[in-house]
Amino acid sequence: MQLKWCRTIIGGQTCSGDFIAYTEWGNFCRILRSDFGPSAGTWKWCLIDCRSPFQDLPYGVCEDKGEVVSLVKRMFEELRDRKNLEFQRPYMWNDGKYWYK
């Protein structure tokens, strides 16, 4: 199972600095760049897979994009290797496209 990335699509439009890490089974984590305020330039992340063992740490902030991508990849690999990834299967339309894309 591979982790893939795409821009988050909300209302048919994408925003810069907003990404979803996903697999063929569902979404894993969302990362979002903060553009305003005292946290401008930082990256927020939030696990969105089901029943993660990281219950005490479902979200956080990293200083840059490289750091947040590395963190998400490490969490995914650990969960995959421990066989703790539990996604709800995404809903499919008749044309086979995922509802969140």
PDB file of N, CA and C in Angstrom:
ATOM      1  N   MET A   1       0.852  -1.174   0.000  1.00  0.00           N
ATOM      2  CA  MET A   1       0.000   0.000   0.000  1.00  0.00           C
ATOM      3  C   MET A   1       0.898   1.237   0.000  1.00  0.00           C
ATOM      4  N   GLN A   2       0.686   2.101  -0.967  1.00  0.00           N
ATOM      5  CA  GLN A   2       1.495   3.305  -1.122  1.00  0.00           C
ATOM      6  C   GLN A   2       0.729   4.534  -0.646  1.00  0.00           C
ATOM      7  N   LEU A   3       1.453   5.482  -0.089  1.00  0.00           N
ATOM      8  CA  LEU A   3       0.882   6.769   0.290  1.00  0.00           C
ATOM      9  C   LEU A   3       1.039   7.714  -0.894  1.00  0.00           C
ATOM     10  N   LYS A   4      -0.057   8.353  -1.291  1.00  0.00           N
ATOM     11  CA  LYS A   4      -0.054   9.281  -2.421  1.00  0.00           C
ATOM     12  C   LYS A   4      -0.519  10.640  -1.924  1.00  0.00           C
ATOM     13  N   TRP A   5      -0.252  11.665  -2.710  1.00  0.00           N
ATOM     14  CA  TRP A   5      -0.618  13.032  -2.333  1.00  0.00           C
ATOM     15  C   TRP A   5      -1.428  13.681  -3.445  1.00  0.00           C
ATOM     16  N   CYS A   6      -2.376  14.519  -3.063  1.00  0.00           N
ATOM     17  CA  CYS A   6      -3.087  15.362  -4.018  1.00  0.00           C
ATOM     18  C   CYS A   6      -3.527  16.631  -3.292  1.00  0.00           C
ATOM     19  N   ARG A   7      -3.859  17.630  -4.071  1.00  0.00           N
ATOM     20  CA  ARG A   7      -4.387  18.859  -3.474  1.00  0.00           C
ATOM     21  C   ARG A   7      -5.795  18.590  -2.953  1.00  0.00           C
ATOM     22  N   THR A   8      -6.130  19.201  -1.833  1.00  0.00           N
ATOM     23  CA  THR A   8      -7.475  19.082  -1.287  1.00  0.00           C
ATOM     24  C   THR A   8      -8.442  19.830  -2.199  1.00  0.00           C
ATOM     25  N   ILE A   9      -9.547  19.198  -2.521  1.00  0.00           N
ATOM     26  CA  ILE A   9     -10.566  19.813  -3.368  1.00  0.00           C
ATOM     27  C   ILE A   9     -11.812  20.030  -2.529  1.00  0.00           C
ATOM     28  N   ILE A  10     -12.201  21.288  -2.415  1.00  0.00           N
ATOM     29  CA  ILE A  10     -13.401  21.652  -1.658  1.00  0.00           C
ATOM     30  C   ILE A  10     -14.272  22.502  -2.571  1.00  0.00           C
ATOM     31  N   GLY A  11     -15.481  22.073  -2.789  1.00  0.00           N
ATOM     32  CA  GLY A  11     -16.384  22.808  -3.665  1.00  0.00           C
ATOM     33  C   GLY A  11     -15.882  22.883  -5.096  1.00  0.00           C
ATOM     34  N   GLY A  12     -15.131  21.870  -5.524  1.00  0.00           N
ATOM     35  CA  GLY A  12     -14.625  21.829  -6.884  1.00  0.00           C
ATOM     36  C   GLY A  12     -13.380  22.658  -7.126  1.00  0.00           C
ATOM     37  N   GLN A  13     -12.843  23.303  -6.084  1.00  0.00           N
ATOM     38  CA  GLN A  13     -11.662  24.146  -6.246  1.00  0.00           C
ATOM     39  C   GLN A  13     -10.550  23.713  -5.304  1.00  0.00           C
ATOM     40  N   THR A  14      -9.306  23.948  -5.741  1.00  0.00           N
ATOM     41  CA  THR A  14      -8.149  23.646  -4.903  1.00  0.00           C
ATOM     42  C   THR A  14      -7.587  24.938  -4.327  1.00  0.00           C
ATOM     43  N   CYS A  15      -6.887  24.813  -3.216  1.00  0.00           N
ATOM     44  CA  CYS A  15      -6.203  25.954  -2.604  1.00  0.00           C
ATOM     45  C   CYS A  15      -4.721  25.625  -2.516  1.00  0.00           C
ATOM     46  N   SER A  16      -3.879  26.623  -2.703  1.00  0.00           N
ATOM     47  CA  SER A  16      -2.451  26.364  -2.559  1.00  0.00           C
ATOM     48  C   SER A  16      -2.147  26.069  -1.096  1.00  0.00           C
ATOM     49  N   GLY A  17      -1.224  25.155  -0.872  1.00  0.00           N
ATOM     50  CA  GLY A  17      -0.828  24.824   0.490  1.00  0.00           C
ATOM     51  C   GLY A  17      -1.822  23.971   1.244  1.00  0.00           C
ATOM     52  N   ASP A  18      -2.662  23.204   0.551  1.00  0.00           N
ATOM     53  CA  ASP A  18      -3.660  22.347   1.190  1.00  0.00           C
ATOM     54  C   ASP A  18      -3.636  20.990   0.486  1.00  0.00           C
ATOM     55  N   PHE A  19      -3.172  19.942   1.194  1.00  0.00           N
ATOM     56  CA  PHE A  19      -2.955  18.639   0.578  1.00  0.00           C
ATOM     57  C   PHE A  19      -3.551  17.515   1.415  1.00  0.00           C
ATOM     58  N   ILE A  20      -3.881  16.422   0.746  1.00  0.00           N
ATOM     59  CA  ILE A  20      -4.351  15.196   1.390  1.00  0.00           C
ATOM     60  C   ILE A  20      -3.373  14.074   1.049  1.00  0.00           C
ATOM     61  N   ALA A  21      -2.943  13.337   2.064  1.00  0.00           N
ATOM     62  CA  ALA A  21      -2.189  12.099   1.860  1.00  0.00           C
ATOM     63  C   ALA A  21      -3.221  10.975   1.903  1.00  0.00           C
ATOM     64  N   TYR A  22      -3.213  10.102   0.898  1.00  0.00           N
ATOM     65  CA  TYR A  22      -4.254   9.081   0.800  1.00  0.00           C
ATOM     66  C   TYR A  22      -3.689   7.778   0.235  1.00  0.00           C
ATOM     67  N   THR A  23      -4.469   6.725   0.335  1.00  0.00           N
ATOM     68  CA  THR A  23      -4.169   5.440  -0.300  1.00  0.00           C
ATOM     69  C   THR A  23      -5.408   5.033  -1.084  1.00  0.00           C
ATOM     70  N   GLU A  24      -5.348   3.865  -1.715  1.00  0.00           N
ATOM     71  CA  GLU A  24      -6.529   3.384  -2.438  1.00  0.00           C
ATOM     72  C   GLU A  24      -7.680   3.064  -1.494  1.00  0.00           C
ATOM     73  N   TRP A  25      -7.413   2.964  -0.186  1.00  0.00           N
ATOM     74  CA  TRP A  25      -8.459   2.650   0.792  1.00  0.00           C
ATOM     75  C   TRP A  25      -9.080   3.877   1.431  1.00  0.00           C
ATOM     76  N   GLY A  26      -8.447   5.028   1.311  1.00  0.00           N
ATOM     77  CA  GLY A  26      -9.035   6.225   1.901  1.00  0.00           C
ATOM     78  C   GLY A  26      -8.003   7.272   2.260  1.00  0.00           C
ATOM     79  N   ASN A  27      -8.473   8.372   2.806  1.00  0.00           N
ATOM     80  CA  ASN A  27      -7.603   9.471   3.221  1.00  0.00           C
ATOM     81  C   ASN A  27      -6.867   9.111   4.498  1.00  0.00           C
ATOM     82  N   PHE A  28      -5.633   9.586   4.621  1.00  0.00           N
ATOM     83  CA  PHE A  28      -4.816   9.307   5.796  1.00  0.00           C
ATOM     84  C   PHE A  28      -4.560  10.566   6.617  1.00  0.00           C
ATOM     85  N   CYS A  29      -4.122  11.647   5.966  1.00  0.00           N
ATOM     86  CA  CYS A  29      -3.736  12.853   6.698  1.00  0.00           C
ATOM     87  C   CYS A  29      -3.910  14.074   5.802  1.00  0.00           C
ATOM     88  N   ARG A  30      -4.278  15.184   6.399  1.00  0.00           N
ATOM     89  CA  ARG A  30      -4.382  16.448   5.676  1.00  0.00           C
ATOM     90  C   ARG A  30      -3.314  17.384   6.204  1.00  0.00           C
ATOM     91  N   ILE A  31      -2.629  18.081   5.294  1.00  0.00           N
ATOM     92  CA  ILE A  31      -1.680  19.112   5.711  1.00  0.00           C
ATOM     93  C   ILE A  31      -2.114  20.435   5.096  1.00  0.00           C
ATOM     94  N   LEU A  32      -1.904  21.509   5.836  1.00  0.00           N
ATOM     95  CA  LEU A  32      -2.390  22.825   5.437  1.00  0.00           C
ATOM     96  C   LEU A  32      -1.392  23.887   5.873  1.00  0.00           C
ATOM     97  N   ARG A  33      -0.963  24.728   4.931  1.00  0.00           N
ATOM     98  CA  ARG A  33      -0.036  25.819   5.241  1.00  0.00           C
ATOM     99  C   ARG A  33      -0.800  26.987   5.864  1.00  0.00           C
ATOM    100  N   SER A  34      -0.264  27.525   6.940  1.00  0.00           N
ATOM    101  CA  SER A  34      -0.833  28.725   7.561  1.00  0.00           C
ATOM    102  C   SER A  34      -0.266  29.940   6.839  1.00  0.00           C
ATOM    103  N   ASP A  35      -1.136  30.777   6.305  1.00  0.00           N
ATOM    104  CA  ASP A  35      -0.689  31.938   5.534  1.00  0.00           C
ATOM    105  C   ASP A  35      -0.763  33.253   6.298  1.00  0.00           C
ATOM    106  N   PHE A  36      -1.443  33.279   7.435  1.00  0.00           N
ATOM    107  CA  PHE A  36      -1.655  34.539   8.137  1.00  0.00           C
ATOM    108  C   PHE A  36      -1.363  34.401   9.627  1.00  0.00           C
ATOM    109  N   GLY A  37      -1.210  35.538  10.281  1.00  0.00           N
ATOM    110  CA  GLY A  37      -1.051  35.557  11.736  1.00  0.00           C
ATOM    111  C   GLY A  37       0.336  35.151  12.197  1.00  0.00           C
ATOM    112  N   PRO A  38       0.469  34.960  13.506  1.00  0.00           N
ATOM    113  CA  PRO A  38       1.781  34.640  14.070  1.00  0.00           C
ATOM    114  C   PRO A  38       2.315  33.276  13.632  1.00  0.00           C
ATOM    115  N   SER A  39       1.444  32.391  13.161  1.00  0.00           N
ATOM    116  CA  SER A  39       1.903  31.068  12.721  1.00  0.00           C
ATOM    117  C   SER A  39       2.089  30.998  11.200  1.00  0.00           C
ATOM    118  N   ALA A  40       2.113  32.145  10.529  1.00  0.00           N
ATOM    119  CA  ALA A  40       2.274  32.165   9.074  1.00  0.00           C
ATOM    120  C   ALA A  40       3.552  31.435   8.674  1.00  0.00           C
ATOM    121  N   GLY A  41       3.433  30.601   7.646  1.00  0.00           N
ATOM    122  CA  GLY A  41       4.579  29.850   7.149  1.00  0.00           C
ATOM    123  C   GLY A  41       4.723  28.468   7.757  1.00  0.00           C
ATOM    124  N   THR A  42       3.980  28.181   8.823  1.00  0.00           N
ATOM    125  CA  THR A  42       4.028  26.843   9.415  1.00  0.00           C
ATOM    126  C   THR A  42       3.016  25.943   8.711  1.00  0.00           C
ATOM    127  N   TRP A  43       3.135  24.639   8.956  1.00  0.00           N
ATOM    128  CA  TRP A  43       2.251  23.654   8.342  1.00  0.00           C
ATOM    129  C   TRP A  43       1.524  22.875   9.417  1.00  0.00           C
ATOM    130  N   LYS A  44       0.197  22.846   9.339  1.00  0.00           N
ATOM    131  CA  LYS A  44      -0.625  22.076  10.274  1.00  0.00           C
ATOM    132  C   LYS A  44      -0.913  20.715   9.646  1.00  0.00           C
ATOM    133  N   TRP A  45      -0.984  19.681  10.475  1.00  0.00           N
ATOM    134  CA  TRP A  45      -1.334  18.353   9.982  1.00  0.00           C
ATOM    135  C   TRP A  45      -2.378  17.743  10.895  1.00  0.00           C
ATOM    136  N   CYS A  46      -3.180  16.855  10.330  1.00  0.00           N
ATOM    137  CA  CYS A  46      -4.229  16.184  11.096  1.00  0.00           C
ATOM    138  C   CYS A  46      -4.459  14.796  10.513  1.00  0.00           C
ATOM    139  N   LEU A  47      -4.298  13.754  11.351  1.00  0.00           N
ATOM    140  CA  LEU A  47      -4.603  12.394  10.907  1.00  0.00           C
ATOM    141  C   LEU A  47      -6.102  12.253  10.733  1.00  0.00           C
ATOM    142  N   ILE A  48      -6.507  11.618   9.653  1.00  0.00           N
ATOM    143  CA  ILE A  48      -7.937  11.452   9.410  1.00  0.00           C
ATOM    144  C   ILE A  48      -8.300  10.011   9.094  1.00  0.00           C
ATOM    145  N   ASP A  49      -7.360   9.073   9.316  1.00  0.00           N
ATOM    146  CA  ASP A  49      -7.735   7.669   9.132  1.00  0.00           C
ATOM    147  C   ASP A  49      -8.470   7.196  10.376  1.00  0.00           C
ATOM    148  N   CYS A  50      -9.100   6.068  10.303  1.00  0.00           N
ATOM    149  CA  CYS A  50      -9.932   5.572  11.399  1.00  0.00           C
ATOM    150  C   CYS A  50      -9.114   4.837  12.448  1.00  0.00           C
ATOM    151  N   ARG A  51      -9.434   5.033  13.687  1.00  0.00           N
ATOM    152  CA  ARG A  51      -8.868   4.326  14.828  1.00  0.00           C
ATOM    153  C   ARG A  51      -7.343   4.299  14.837  1.00  0.00           C
ATOM    154  N   SER A  52      -6.727   5.449  14.717  1.00  0.00           N
ATOM    155  CA  SER A  52      -5.271   5.534  14.769  1.00  0.00           C
ATOM    156  C   SER A  52      -4.773   5.287  16.185  1.00  0.00           C
ATOM    157  N   PRO A  53      -3.633   4.572  16.347  1.00  0.00           N
ATOM    158  CA  PRO A  53      -3.071   4.407  17.684  1.00  0.00           C
ATOM    159  C   PRO A  53      -2.471   5.708  18.213  1.00  0.00           C
ATOM    160  N   PHE A  54      -2.382   6.729  17.356  1.00  0.00           N
ATOM    161  CA  PHE A  54      -1.873   8.021  17.779  1.00  0.00           C
ATOM    162  C   PHE A  54      -3.006   8.867  18.355  1.00  0.00           C
ATOM    163  N   GLN A  55      -3.905   8.261  19.116  1.00  0.00           N
ATOM    164  CA  GLN A  55      -5.075   8.951  19.654  1.00  0.00           C
ATOM    165  C   GLN A  55      -4.700  10.209  20.432  1.00  0.00           C
ATOM    166  N   ASP A  56      -3.578  10.165  21.153  1.00  0.00           N
ATOM    167  CA  ASP A  56      -3.176  11.324  21.945  1.00  0.00           C
ATOM    168  C   ASP A  56      -2.511  12.402  21.104  1.00  0.00           C
ATOM    169  N   LEU A  57      -2.221  12.121  19.855  1.00  0.00           N
ATOM    170  CA  LEU A  57      -1.508  13.061  19.004  1.00  0.00           C
ATOM    171  C   LEU A  57      -2.112  13.084  17.601  1.00  0.00           C
ATOM    172  N   PRO A  58      -3.399  13.452  17.465  1.00  0.00           N
ATOM    173  CA  PRO A  58      -4.042  13.387  16.158  1.00  0.00           C
ATOM    174  C   PRO A  58      -3.713  14.557  15.238  1.00  0.00           C
ATOM    175  N   TYR A  59      -3.057  15.607  15.746  1.00  0.00           N
ATOM    176  CA  TYR A  59      -2.746  16.769  14.917  1.00  0.00           C
ATOM    177  C   TYR A  59      -1.525  17.482  15.482  1.00  0.00           C
ATOM    178  N   GLY A  60      -0.985  18.398  14.698  1.00  0.00           N
ATOM    179  CA  GLY A  60       0.176  19.147  15.169  1.00  0.00           C
ATOM    180  C   GLY A  60       0.594  20.204  14.171  1.00  0.00           C
ATOM    181  N   VAL A  61       1.729  20.828  14.443  1.00  0.00           N
ATOM    182  CA  VAL A  61       2.267  21.897  13.610  1.00  0.00           C
ATOM    183  C   VAL A  61       3.745  21.622  13.368  1.00  0.00           C
ATOM    184  N   CYS A  62       4.189  21.833  12.138  1.00  0.00           N
ATOM    185  CA  CYS A  62       5.601  21.699  11.780  1.00  0.00           C
ATOM    186  C   CYS A  62       6.083  23.021  11.191  1.00  0.00           C
ATOM    187  N   GLU A  63       7.382  23.224  11.237  1.00  0.00           N
ATOM    188  CA  GLU A  63       7.959  24.490  10.775  1.00  0.00           C
ATOM    189  C   GLU A  63       7.961  24.647   9.258  1.00  0.00           C
ATOM    190  N   ASP A  64       8.113  23.545   8.517  1.00  0.00           N
ATOM    191  CA  ASP A  64       8.155  23.667   7.058  1.00  0.00           C
ATOM    192  C   ASP A  64       7.538  22.438   6.393  1.00  0.00           C
ATOM    193  N   LYS A  65       7.350  22.542   5.079  1.00  0.00           N
ATOM    194  CA  LYS A  65       6.677  21.480   4.329  1.00  0.00           C
ATOM    195  C   LYS A  65       7.468  20.176   4.357  1.00  0.00           C
ATOM    196  N   GLY A  66       8.783  20.250   4.234  1.00  0.00           N
ATOM    197  CA  GLY A  66       9.608  19.044   4.265  1.00  0.00           C
ATOM    198  C   GLY A  66       9.456  18.280   5.564  1.00  0.00           C
ATOM    199  N   GLU A  67       9.403  19.012   6.667  1.00  0.00           N
ATOM    200  CA  GLU A  67       9.252  18.385   7.982  1.00  0.00           C
ATOM    201  C   GLU A  67       7.900  17.688   8.111  1.00  0.00           C
ATOM    202  N   VAL A  68       6.832  18.341   7.670  1.00  0.00           N
ATOM    203  CA  VAL A  68       5.498  17.752   7.815  1.00  0.00           C
ATOM    204  C   VAL A  68       5.335  16.540   6.893  1.00  0.00           C
ATOM    205  N   VAL A  69       5.867  16.596   5.682  1.00  0.00           N
ATOM    206  CA  VAL A  69       5.776  15.458   4.762  1.00  0.00           C
ATOM    207  C   VAL A  69       6.542  14.268   5.325  1.00  0.00           C
ATOM    208  N   SER A  70       7.731  14.516   5.858  1.00  0.00           N
ATOM    209  CA  SER A  70       8.529  13.447   6.464  1.00  0.00           C
ATOM    210  C   SER A  70       7.801  12.812   7.648  1.00  0.00           C
ATOM    211  N   LEU A  71       7.196  13.635   8.492  1.00  0.00           N
ATOM    212  CA  LEU A  71       6.453  13.139   9.649  1.00  0.00           C
ATOM    213  C   LEU A  71       5.270  12.270   9.221  1.00  0.00           C
ATOM    214  N   VAL A  72       4.499  12.740   8.252  1.00  0.00           N
ATOM    215  CA  VAL A  72       3.334  11.991   7.776  1.00  0.00           C
ATOM    216  C   VAL A  72       3.775  10.649   7.182  1.00  0.00           C
ATOM    217  N   LYS A  73       4.851  10.654   6.400  1.00  0.00           N
ATOM    218  CA  LYS A  73       5.356   9.403   5.821  1.00  0.00           C
ATOM    219  C   LYS A  73       5.781   8.424   6.906  1.00  0.00           C
ATOM    220  N   ARG A  74       6.475   8.909   7.938  1.00  0.00           N
ATOM    221  CA  ARG A  74       6.910   8.028   9.030  1.00  0.00           C
ATOM    222  C   ARG A  74       5.721   7.439   9.773  1.00  0.00           C
ATOM    223  N   MET A  75       4.700   8.265  10.067  1.00  0.00           N
ATOM    224  CA  MET A  75       3.510   7.756  10.754  1.00  0.00           C
ATOM    225  C   MET A  75       2.804   6.706   9.902  1.00  0.00           C
ATOM    226  N   PHE A  76       2.664   6.981   8.610  1.00  0.00           N
ATOM    227  CA  PHE A  76       2.007   6.036   7.715  1.00  0.00           C
ATOM    228  C   PHE A  76       2.762   4.712   7.672  1.00  0.00           C
ATOM    229  N   GLU A  77       4.085   4.771   7.498  1.00  0.00           N
ATOM    230  CA  GLU A  77       4.882   3.544   7.417  1.00  0.00           C
ATOM    231  C   GLU A  77       4.804   2.740   8.706  1.00  0.00           C
ATOM    232  N   GLU A  78       4.824   3.423   9.848  1.00  0.00           N
ATOM    233  CA  GLU A  78       4.719   2.706  11.120  1.00  0.00           C
ATOM    234  C   GLU A  78       3.361   2.023  11.255  1.00  0.00           C
ATOM    235  N   LEU A  79       2.302   2.734  10.933  1.00  0.00           N
ATOM    236  CA  LEU A  79       0.965   2.141  11.016  1.00  0.00           C
ATOM    237  C   LEU A  79       0.809   0.990  10.028  1.00  0.00           C
ATOM    238  N   ARG A  80       1.331   1.172   8.820  1.00  0.00           N
ATOM    239  CA  ARG A  80       1.240   0.113   7.808  1.00  0.00           C
ATOM    240  C   ARG A  80       2.012  -1.130   8.253  1.00  0.00           C
ATOM    241  N   ASP A  81       3.229  -0.926   8.745  1.00  0.00           N
ATOM    242  CA  ASP A  81       4.064  -2.053   9.163  1.00  0.00           C
ATOM    243  C   ASP A  81       3.481  -2.778  10.370  1.00  0.00           C
ATOM    244  N   ARG A  82       2.795  -2.041  11.249  1.00  0.00           N
ATOM    245  CA  ARG A  82       2.159  -2.657  12.420  1.00  0.00           C
ATOM    246  C   ARG A  82       0.770  -3.189  12.094  1.00  0.00           C
ATOM    247  N   LYS A  83       0.354  -3.004  10.831  1.00  0.00           N
ATOM    248  CA  LYS A  83      -0.972  -3.437  10.367  1.00  0.00           C
ATOM    249  C   LYS A  83      -2.097  -2.784  11.178  1.00  0.00           C
ATOM    250  N   ASN A  84      -1.926  -1.496  11.466  1.00  0.00           N
ATOM    251  CA  ASN A  84      -2.921  -0.745  12.230  1.00  0.00           C
ATOM    252  C   ASN A  84      -3.680   0.273  11.386  1.00  0.00           C
ATOM    253  N   LEU A  85      -3.511   0.236  10.073  1.00  0.00           N
ATOM    254  CA  LEU A  85      -4.271   1.149   9.227  1.00  0.00           C
ATOM    255  C   LEU A  85      -5.687   0.610   9.084  1.00  0.00           C
ATOM    256  N   GLU A  86      -6.669   1.404   9.446  1.00  0.00           N
ATOM    257  CA  GLU A  86      -8.067   0.988   9.339  1.00  0.00           C
ATOM    258  C   GLU A  86      -8.867   2.110   8.705  1.00  0.00           C
ATOM    259  N   PHE A  87      -9.051   2.013   7.416  1.00  0.00           N
ATOM    260  CA  PHE A  87      -9.802   3.027   6.692  1.00  0.00           C
ATOM    261  C   PHE A  87     -11.231   2.563   6.487  1.00  0.00           C
ATOM    262  N   GLN A  88     -12.134   3.527   6.473  1.00  0.00           N
ATOM    263  CA  GLN A  88     -13.470   3.224   5.977  1.00  0.00           C
ATOM    264  C   GLN A  88     -13.352   3.291   4.463  1.00  0.00           C
ATOM    265  N   ARG A  89     -13.922   2.329   3.775  1.00  0.00           N
ATOM    266  CA  ARG A  89     -13.810   2.353   2.321  1.00  0.00           C
ATOM    267  C   ARG A  89     -14.507   3.598   1.780  1.00  0.00           C
ATOM    268  N   PRO A  90     -13.838   4.283   0.834  1.00  0.00           N
ATOM    269  CA  PRO A  90     -14.462   5.490   0.277  1.00  0.00           C
ATOM    270  C   PRO A  90     -15.698   5.134  -0.542  1.00  0.00           C
ATOM    271  N   TYR A  91     -16.654   6.038  -0.546  1.00  0.00           N
ATOM    272  CA  TYR A  91     -17.843   5.841  -1.372  1.00  0.00           C
ATOM    273  C   TYR A  91     -17.461   6.004  -2.835  1.00  0.00           C
ATOM    274  N   MET A  92     -18.024   5.188  -3.692  1.00  0.00           N
ATOM    275  CA  MET A  92     -17.717   5.253  -5.117  1.00  0.00           C
ATOM    276  C   MET A  92     -18.980   5.611  -5.893  1.00  0.00           C
ATOM    277  N   TRP A  93     -18.793   6.441  -6.906  1.00  0.00           N
ATOM    278  CA  TRP A  93     -19.872   6.691  -7.842  1.00  0.00           C
ATOM    279  C   TRP A  93     -19.828   5.591  -8.888  1.00  0.00           C
ATOM    280  N   ASN A  94     -20.826   5.528  -9.756  1.00  0.00           N
ATOM    281  CA  ASN A  94     -20.867   4.486 -10.778  1.00  0.00           C
ATOM    282  C   ASN A  94     -19.675   4.534 -11.726  1.00  0.00           C
ATOM    283  N   ASP A  95     -19.091   5.715 -11.907  1.00  0.00           N
ATOM    284  CA  ASP A  95     -17.944   5.822 -12.811  1.00  0.00           C
ATOM    285  C   ASP A  95     -16.636   5.447 -12.118  1.00  0.00           C
ATOM    286  N   GLY A  96     -16.692   5.026 -10.860  1.00  0.00           N
ATOM    287  CA  GLY A  96     -15.504   4.558 -10.158  1.00  0.00           C
ATOM    288  C   GLY A  96     -14.675   5.643  -9.511  1.00  0.00           C
ATOM    289  N   LYS A  97     -15.113   6.891  -9.551  1.00  0.00           N
ATOM    290  CA  LYS A  97     -14.341   7.977  -8.949  1.00  0.00           C
ATOM    291  C   LYS A  97     -14.655   8.075  -7.463  1.00  0.00           C
ATOM    292  N   TYR A  98     -13.642   8.398  -6.687  1.00  0.00           N
ATOM    293  CA  TYR A  98     -13.839   8.592  -5.255  1.00  0.00           C
ATOM    294  C   TYR A  98     -14.643   9.866  -5.030  1.00  0.00           C
ATOM    295  N   TRP A  99     -15.479   9.868  -4.014  1.00  0.00           N
ATOM    296  CA  TRP A  99     -16.335  11.031  -3.750  1.00  0.00           C
ATOM    297  C   TRP A  99     -15.539  12.251  -3.337  1.00  0.00           C
ATOM    298  N   TYR A 100     -14.342  12.064  -2.764  1.00  0.00           N
ATOM    299  CA  TYR A 100     -13.591  13.204  -2.258  1.00  0.00           C
ATOM    300  C   TYR A 100     -12.612  13.748  -3.277  1.00  0.00           C
ATOM    301  N   LYS A 101     -12.649  13.281  -4.504  1.00  0.00           N
ATOM    302  CA  LYS A 101     -11.732  13.804  -5.524  1.00  0.00           C
ATOM    303  C   LYS A 101     -12.498  14.511  -6.606  1.00  0.00           C
TER     304      LYS A 101
END
